[in-house]
N, C-alpha and C. Protein backbone atom coordinates (compact mmCIF):
# COMPACT_ATOMS: atom_id res chain seq x y z
N MET A 1 -8.55 31.89 20.43
CA MET A 1 -8.46 31.86 19.82
C MET A 1 -7.98 30.11 19.27
N GLU A 2 -8.27 29.91 18.17
CA GLU A 2 -7.93 28.20 17.81
C GLU A 2 -6.39 28.26 17.01
N ASN A 3 -5.72 27.25 16.76
CA ASN A 3 -4.72 27.06 16.38
C ASN A 3 -4.70 26.58 14.93
N SER A 4 -4.09 26.90 14.41
CA SER A 4 -4.30 26.63 13.05
C SER A 4 -3.81 24.65 12.88
N GLN A 5 -3.06 24.73 13.77
CA GLN A 5 -2.63 23.03 13.63
C GLN A 5 -3.47 22.55 13.95
N ASN A 6 -4.86 22.65 15.01
CA ASN A 6 -5.39 22.60 15.18
C ASN A 6 -7.02 21.85 14.50
N ILE A 7 -7.35 22.41 13.24
CA ILE A 7 -7.70 22.47 12.43
C ILE A 7 -8.32 20.61 11.54
N TYR A 8 -7.99 20.43 11.08
CA TYR A 8 -7.16 19.69 11.09
C TYR A 8 -7.05 17.75 11.90
N LYS A 9 -8.00 17.83 13.00
CA LYS A 9 -7.69 16.89 13.82
C LYS A 9 -8.62 16.23 13.91
N GLY A 10 -9.69 16.39 13.58
CA GLY A 10 -11.26 15.59 13.31
C GLY A 10 -11.30 14.61 12.07
N ILE A 11 -12.53 14.62 11.72
CA ILE A 11 -12.67 13.74 11.12
C ILE A 11 -12.16 14.14 9.48
N GLY A 12 -12.52 15.73 8.98
CA GLY A 12 -12.21 16.58 8.47
C GLY A 12 -11.07 16.06 7.82
N ARG A 13 -9.61 15.77 8.47
CA ARG A 13 -8.77 15.34 7.98
C ARG A 13 -8.51 14.19 7.28
N TYR A 14 -9.63 13.37 7.31
CA TYR A 14 -10.03 12.00 6.77
C TYR A 14 -10.57 11.89 5.69
N ILE A 15 -11.28 12.66 5.39
CA ILE A 15 -12.63 12.77 3.98
C ILE A 15 -11.50 13.23 2.90
N PRO A 16 -10.49 13.80 2.56
CA PRO A 16 -9.94 14.09 1.31
C PRO A 16 -9.22 12.82 1.69
N VAL A 17 -8.67 12.42 2.29
CA VAL A 17 -8.09 10.83 2.06
C VAL A 17 -8.80 9.94 1.14
N TYR A 18 -9.98 9.77 2.13
CA TYR A 18 -10.45 9.22 1.60
C TYR A 18 -11.73 8.88 0.01
N LEU A 19 -11.51 10.60 -0.04
CA LEU A 19 -12.25 10.56 -1.66
C LEU A 19 -10.83 10.65 -2.82
N ILE A 20 -9.61 11.00 -2.71
CA ILE A 20 -8.45 10.51 -3.30
C ILE A 20 -8.75 8.46 -3.30
N LEU A 21 -8.45 8.24 -2.24
CA LEU A 21 -8.60 6.25 -2.17
C LEU A 21 -9.61 6.40 -3.07
N LEU A 22 -10.67 6.63 -3.24
CA LEU A 22 -12.01 6.66 -4.02
C LEU A 22 -11.78 6.82 -5.21
N ALA A 23 -10.88 7.51 -5.19
CA ALA A 23 -10.63 7.94 -6.90
C ALA A 23 -10.10 6.97 -7.60
N LEU A 24 -8.90 7.00 -6.74
CA LEU A 24 -8.19 5.59 -7.42
C LEU A 24 -8.37 4.24 -7.56
N SER A 25 -9.64 4.18 -7.08
CA SER A 25 -10.25 2.86 -6.89
C SER A 25 -10.88 2.55 -8.33
N GLY A 26 -11.64 4.18 -8.73
CA GLY A 26 -11.53 3.78 -9.91
C GLY A 26 -10.89 4.52 -11.15
N LEU A 27 -10.01 4.51 -11.33
CA LEU A 27 -8.73 5.02 -11.67
C LEU A 27 -8.50 3.19 -12.54
N GLN A 28 -8.81 2.17 -10.81
CA GLN A 28 -8.47 0.79 -11.65
C GLN A 28 -9.05 0.48 -12.13
N ILE A 29 -10.80 0.69 -11.65
CA ILE A 29 -11.24 0.23 -12.78
C ILE A 29 -11.73 0.84 -14.28
N PHE A 30 -11.22 2.33 -14.51
CA PHE A 30 -11.20 2.60 -16.05
C PHE A 30 -9.85 1.50 -16.74
N LEU A 31 -8.50 1.15 -15.58
CA LEU A 31 -7.38 0.84 -16.28
C LEU A 31 -7.77 -0.59 -16.78
N ALA A 32 -9.12 -1.30 -15.84
CA ALA A 32 -8.73 -2.47 -16.22
C ALA A 32 -9.63 -3.10 -16.88
N TYR A 33 -10.97 -1.98 -17.37
CA TYR A 33 -11.54 -1.69 -18.96
C TYR A 33 -10.89 -1.45 -20.59
N SER A 34 -9.28 -0.43 -19.79
CA SER A 34 -8.52 -0.02 -21.49
C SER A 34 -7.99 -1.05 -22.32
N LYS A 35 -7.58 -0.66 -22.93
CA LYS A 35 -7.15 -1.93 -23.96
C LYS A 35 -5.04 -1.00 -23.90
N LEU A 36 -5.25 -1.84 -23.25
CA LEU A 36 -3.58 -2.09 -22.43
C LEU A 36 -2.96 -3.21 -22.71
N ASP A 37 -1.55 -3.54 -22.82
CA ASP A 37 -1.16 -4.46 -23.69
C ASP A 37 -0.75 -5.30 -21.37
N ARG A 38 -0.60 -5.94 -21.47
CA ARG A 38 -0.62 -6.95 -20.52
C ARG A 38 0.33 -6.10 -19.26
N ASN A 39 1.81 -5.74 -19.74
CA ASN A 39 3.17 -5.45 -19.08
C ASN A 39 2.32 -4.10 -18.26
N ARG A 40 2.22 -3.10 -19.53
CA ARG A 40 1.76 -1.02 -18.67
C ARG A 40 0.55 -1.41 -17.97
N LEU A 41 -0.20 -2.44 -18.49
CA LEU A 41 -1.46 -2.81 -17.40
C LEU A 41 -1.01 -3.38 -16.43
N LEU A 42 -0.15 -4.03 -15.70
CA LEU A 42 0.69 -4.40 -14.62
C LEU A 42 1.56 -3.30 -14.06
N ALA A 43 2.25 -3.13 -14.80
CA ALA A 43 3.28 -1.59 -13.72
C ALA A 43 1.89 -0.88 -13.38
N ALA A 44 1.21 -0.11 -14.50
CA ALA A 44 0.25 0.76 -13.73
C ALA A 44 -0.62 0.17 -12.29
N PHE A 45 -1.10 -0.73 -12.32
CA PHE A 45 -2.13 -1.53 -11.75
C PHE A 45 -1.39 -1.24 -9.79
N LEU A 46 0.20 -1.65 -10.06
CA LEU A 46 1.25 -1.87 -9.28
C LEU A 46 1.55 -0.67 -7.96
N ALA A 47 1.54 0.55 -9.30
CA ALA A 47 1.88 1.93 -8.80
C ALA A 47 1.07 2.60 -8.71
N VAL A 48 -0.67 2.16 -9.16
CA VAL A 48 -1.99 3.11 -8.25
C VAL A 48 -1.97 1.66 -6.82
N ALA A 49 -1.60 0.64 -7.02
CA ALA A 49 -1.42 0.13 -5.65
C ALA A 49 -0.74 0.48 -4.31
N ILE A 50 0.09 0.75 -4.51
CA ILE A 50 1.54 0.98 -3.89
C ILE A 50 0.99 2.61 -3.33
N PHE A 51 0.66 3.19 -4.05
CA PHE A 51 0.42 4.65 -3.60
C PHE A 51 -0.54 4.80 -2.49
N SER A 52 -1.95 3.82 -3.15
CA SER A 52 -2.88 3.78 -1.83
C SER A 52 -2.71 3.13 -0.69
N ALA A 53 -1.95 2.18 -0.46
CA ALA A 53 -1.46 1.62 0.39
C ALA A 53 -0.65 2.53 0.95
N ALA A 54 0.58 3.81 0.78
CA ALA A 54 1.19 3.78 1.21
C ALA A 54 0.05 5.41 1.85
N LEU A 55 -0.93 5.80 1.56
CA LEU A 55 -2.22 6.34 1.96
C LEU A 55 -2.78 6.33 2.98
N ALA A 56 -2.83 4.60 2.36
CA ALA A 56 -3.77 4.34 3.89
C ALA A 56 -2.84 3.87 5.01
N VAL A 57 -1.83 3.32 5.13
CA VAL A 57 -0.69 3.50 6.11
C VAL A 57 -0.67 4.76 6.64
N MET A 58 -0.15 5.81 5.61
CA MET A 58 0.00 6.79 6.32
C MET A 58 -1.42 7.90 7.45
N TYR A 59 -2.51 7.85 7.24
CA TYR A 59 -3.57 8.24 7.49
C TYR A 59 -3.92 7.51 8.32
N PHE A 60 -4.57 6.18 7.82
CA PHE A 60 -6.11 5.54 9.07
C PHE A 60 -5.22 4.49 9.72
N MET A 61 -3.66 4.10 9.34
CA MET A 61 -3.26 3.76 10.17
C MET A 61 -2.20 4.96 11.76
N HIS A 62 -2.09 6.11 11.30
CA HIS A 62 -1.23 7.12 11.92
C HIS A 62 0.46 7.10 11.27
N MET A 63 0.46 6.57 10.96
CA MET A 63 2.17 6.65 10.47
C MET A 63 2.48 8.21 10.36
N ILE A 64 1.34 9.31 9.60
CA ILE A 64 1.64 10.15 9.54
C ILE A 64 2.27 11.06 10.69
N ASP A 65 2.03 10.90 11.57
CA ASP A 65 2.16 11.43 12.80
C ASP A 65 3.41 11.03 14.25
N GLU A 66 3.95 9.44 13.73
CA GLU A 66 4.53 9.27 14.58
C GLU A 66 6.16 10.19 13.89
N ARG A 67 7.44 9.87 14.62
CA ARG A 67 8.06 9.97 14.45
C ARG A 67 8.95 9.35 13.13
N ARG A 68 9.49 9.79 12.45
CA ARG A 68 10.03 9.63 11.23
C ARG A 68 11.17 8.63 11.77
N SER A 69 12.48 8.89 12.88
CA SER A 69 13.20 7.62 12.61
C SER A 69 12.22 5.86 13.18
N PHE A 70 10.64 5.97 13.63
CA PHE A 70 10.08 5.03 13.89
C PHE A 70 9.23 4.99 12.30
N PHE A 71 9.29 5.96 11.76
CA PHE A 71 8.44 4.76 9.86
C PHE A 71 9.71 4.21 8.96
N TRP A 72 11.06 5.10 10.11
CA TRP A 72 11.74 4.62 8.64
C TRP A 72 12.82 2.93 8.78
N SER A 73 12.65 3.36 10.45
CA SER A 73 13.01 1.69 11.26
C SER A 73 11.33 0.59 10.24
N LEU A 74 10.78 0.71 9.77
CA LEU A 74 9.70 -0.06 9.69
C LEU A 74 10.46 -0.55 7.76
N ILE A 75 11.00 0.07 7.41
CA ILE A 75 11.62 0.03 6.03
C ILE A 75 12.32 -1.71 5.72
N PRO A 76 12.70 -1.57 6.93
CA PRO A 76 14.37 -2.65 6.46
C PRO A 76 13.22 -4.12 6.95
N ALA A 77 12.21 -3.54 8.74
CA ALA A 77 12.02 -4.52 9.26
C ALA A 77 10.48 -4.81 7.47
N THR A 78 10.15 -4.61 6.96
CA THR A 78 8.95 -5.09 6.00
C THR A 78 9.90 -5.85 4.44
N ILE A 79 10.74 -5.71 4.28
CA ILE A 79 11.93 -5.89 3.43
C ILE A 79 12.40 -7.01 3.58
N PHE A 80 13.03 -7.82 4.93
CA PHE A 80 12.74 -8.12 6.24
C PHE A 80 12.15 -9.62 5.43
N VAL A 81 10.64 -9.57 6.29
CA VAL A 81 9.50 -10.21 6.31
C VAL A 81 9.25 -10.92 5.23
N LEU A 82 9.32 -10.16 3.09
CA LEU A 82 9.53 -9.72 2.77
C LEU A 82 9.95 -11.12 1.83
N LEU A 83 11.61 -10.89 2.16
CA LEU A 83 12.46 -11.65 1.89
C LEU A 83 12.21 -13.34 2.93
N MET A 84 12.39 -13.09 4.00
CA MET A 84 11.52 -14.10 4.49
C MET A 84 10.35 -15.30 4.33
N MET A 85 9.12 -13.81 3.47
CA MET A 85 8.25 -14.74 3.40
C MET A 85 8.90 -15.62 1.80
N ASN A 86 9.87 -15.40 1.14
CA ASN A 86 10.14 -15.18 -0.72
C ASN A 86 10.85 -16.98 0.22
N MET A 87 11.93 -17.09 1.43
CA MET A 87 12.20 -18.38 1.37
C MET A 87 11.51 -19.38 1.17
N ILE A 88 10.27 -18.92 1.99
CA ILE A 88 9.44 -20.13 1.98
C ILE A 88 8.49 -20.76 0.53
N TRP A 89 8.49 -20.12 0.10
CA TRP A 89 7.72 -20.21 -0.75
C TRP A 89 8.00 -21.61 -2.19
N SER A 90 9.13 -21.24 -2.68
CA SER A 90 9.85 -22.99 -2.62
C SER A 90 9.11 -23.95 -2.10
N ASP A 91 8.93 -24.20 -0.86
CA ASP A 91 8.80 -25.60 -0.45
C ASP A 91 7.17 -25.46 -0.55
N SER A 92 6.60 -24.77 -0.12
CA SER A 92 4.97 -24.53 -0.61
C SER A 92 5.14 -25.21 -1.89
N PHE A 93 5.32 -25.27 -3.15
CA PHE A 93 5.67 -25.63 -4.24
C PHE A 93 5.79 -26.92 -4.58
N ARG A 94 6.53 -27.32 -3.59
CA ARG A 94 7.45 -28.73 -3.35
C ARG A 94 5.99 -29.41 -2.68
N LEU A 95 5.25 -29.40 -1.42
CA LEU A 95 4.19 -29.73 -1.03
C LEU A 95 2.75 -29.18 -1.90
N LEU A 96 3.08 -28.66 -2.98
CA LEU A 96 1.87 -29.21 -3.62
C LEU A 96 2.01 -30.87 -4.55
N HIS A 97 3.26 -30.71 -4.54
CA HIS A 97 3.05 -32.02 -5.43
C HIS A 97 3.93 -33.49 -4.28
N MET A 98 3.94 -33.01 -3.29
CA MET A 98 4.64 -33.83 -1.98
C MET A 98 5.40 -34.96 -2.85
N ARG A 99 6.40 -34.14 -3.47
CA ARG A 99 7.98 -34.60 -3.37
C ARG A 99 8.96 -33.69 -4.24
N PRO A 100 10.47 -34.18 -3.83
CA PRO A 100 11.08 -32.72 -3.70
C PRO A 100 11.55 -32.55 -5.38
N PHE A 101 12.31 -31.59 -5.29
CA PHE A 101 12.30 -30.90 -6.93
C PHE A 101 13.39 -31.84 -7.89
């Protein structure tokens, strides 16, 4: 007898996720051609992109199978990396004109 948890261990587990990601890409194309103002369009694109990225990380990078403590430890590390990237952007703008502010 087959265990009910082993049903979605193969490629069948990723096909619904792939179809959802495909639908989200179609939603982005639909939003691009809609007549929304700039702020609402940006908010909609960001929401769809965050959801798509979360699905890709959870399933295609196998984070769904990891322990929750490991998953939650990645959030502060990601925030730290983004903050450190923010520190060097001002220097890159300075180097664009090759002079200090």
